[in-house]
Amino acid sequence: MMPVADIEKRRLAQHYLLYKSICRNCGATNPLKAKKCRKCKTKDLRPKRRTKK
């Protein structure tokens, strides 16, 4: 797998990979602006962590 050299493409890829909401109940990924989970319909969402542990 080759790293993305184009800065604009890298920024776009990071946006689609990192800017998500995660359901605390079932772990499904949802859009960042979601109010409810798409799978289990709970409202307990958190933003995806963007830093390494």
C-alpha atoms as a PDB file:
ATOM      1  CA  MET A   1       0.000   0.000   0.000  1.00  0.00           C
ATOM      2  CA  MET A   2       1.554   3.280  -1.105  1.00  0.00           C
ATOM      3  CA  PRO A   3       1.108   6.484   0.862  1.00  0.00           C
ATOM      4  CA  VAL A   4      -0.915   9.240  -0.757  1.00  0.00           C
ATOM      5  CA  ALA A   5       1.496  11.895  -2.044  1.00  0.00           C
ATOM      6  CA  ASP A   6      -1.062  14.513  -3.124  1.00  0.00           C
ATOM      7  CA  ILE A   7      -1.848  16.775  -0.154  1.00  0.00           C
ATOM      8  CA  GLU A   8      -5.445  17.462  -1.188  1.00  0.00           C
ATOM      9  CA  LYS A   9      -6.207  13.757  -1.667  1.00  0.00           C
ATOM     10  CA  ARG A  10      -4.619  12.948   1.704  1.00  0.00           C
ATOM     11  CA  ARG A  11      -6.761  15.596   3.426  1.00  0.00           C
ATOM     12  CA  LEU A  12      -9.889  14.240   1.759  1.00  0.00           C
ATOM     13  CA  ALA A  13      -9.039  10.647   2.732  1.00  0.00           C
ATOM     14  CA  GLN A  14      -8.391  11.640   6.352  1.00  0.00           C
ATOM     15  CA  HIS A  15     -11.713  13.448   6.488  1.00  0.00           C
ATOM     16  CA  TYR A  16     -13.640  10.388   5.306  1.00  0.00           C
ATOM     17  CA  LEU A  17     -11.735   8.033   7.618  1.00  0.00           C
ATOM     18  CA  LEU A  18     -11.509  10.075  10.827  1.00  0.00           C
ATOM     19  CA  TYR A  19     -14.551  12.339  11.021  1.00  0.00           C
ATOM     20  CA  LYS A  20     -17.192   9.829  12.134  1.00  0.00           C
ATOM     21  CA  SER A  21     -19.424   9.161  15.116  1.00  0.00           C
ATOM     22  CA  ILE A  22     -19.184   5.833  16.921  1.00  0.00           C
ATOM     23  CA  CYS A  23     -22.126   4.231  18.717  1.00  0.00           C
ATOM     24  CA  ARG A  24     -21.310   3.404  22.316  1.00  0.00           C
ATOM     25  CA  ASN A  25     -23.863   0.577  22.299  1.00  0.00           C
ATOM     26  CA  CYS A  26     -23.087  -1.443  19.154  1.00  0.00           C
ATOM     27  CA  GLY A  27     -19.869   0.167  17.818  1.00  0.00           C
ATOM     28  CA  ALA A  28     -21.285   1.113  14.404  1.00  0.00           C
ATOM     29  CA  THR A  29     -19.799   4.054  12.524  1.00  0.00           C
ATOM     30  CA  ASN A  30     -22.178   6.885  11.694  1.00  0.00           C
ATOM     31  CA  PRO A  31     -21.860  10.311  10.061  1.00  0.00           C
ATOM     32  CA  LEU A  32     -20.443  12.978  12.358  1.00  0.00           C
ATOM     33  CA  LYS A  33     -23.721  14.933  12.442  1.00  0.00           C
ATOM     34  CA  ALA A  34     -25.875  11.862  13.199  1.00  0.00           C
ATOM     35  CA  LYS A  35     -28.326  12.134  16.096  1.00  0.00           C
ATOM     36  CA  LYS A  36     -29.155   8.405  16.284  1.00  0.00           C
ATOM     37  CA  CYS A  37     -27.284   5.213  15.429  1.00  0.00           C
ATOM     38  CA  ARG A  38     -28.121   3.772  12.025  1.00  0.00           C
ATOM     39  CA  LYS A  39     -28.108   0.178  13.339  1.00  0.00           C
ATOM     40  CA  CYS A  40     -29.524   0.134  16.861  1.00  0.00           C
ATOM     41  CA  LYS A  41     -31.261   3.569  16.920  1.00  0.00           C
ATOM     42  CA  THR A  42     -29.757   4.659  20.263  1.00  0.00           C
ATOM     43  CA  LYS A  43     -28.763   8.284  20.822  1.00  0.00           C
ATOM     44  CA  ASP A  44     -25.552   7.405  22.688  1.00  0.00           C
ATOM     45  CA  LEU A  45     -22.910   8.467  20.124  1.00  0.00           C
ATOM     46  CA  ARG A  46     -19.370   9.728  20.559  1.00  0.00           C
ATOM     47  CA  PRO A  47     -16.944  11.303  18.055  1.00  0.00           C
ATOM     48  CA  LYS A  48     -14.250   8.970  16.741  1.00  0.00           C
ATOM     49  CA  ARG A  49     -10.863   9.442  18.410  1.00  0.00           C
ATOM     50  CA  ARG A  50      -8.359  11.088  16.089  1.00  0.00           C
ATOM     51  CA  THR A  51      -5.176  10.566  18.111  1.00  0.00           C
ATOM     52  CA  LYS A  52      -3.170   7.434  18.714  1.00  0.00           C
ATOM     53  CA  LYS A  53      -3.354   5.890  22.170  1.00  0.00           C
END
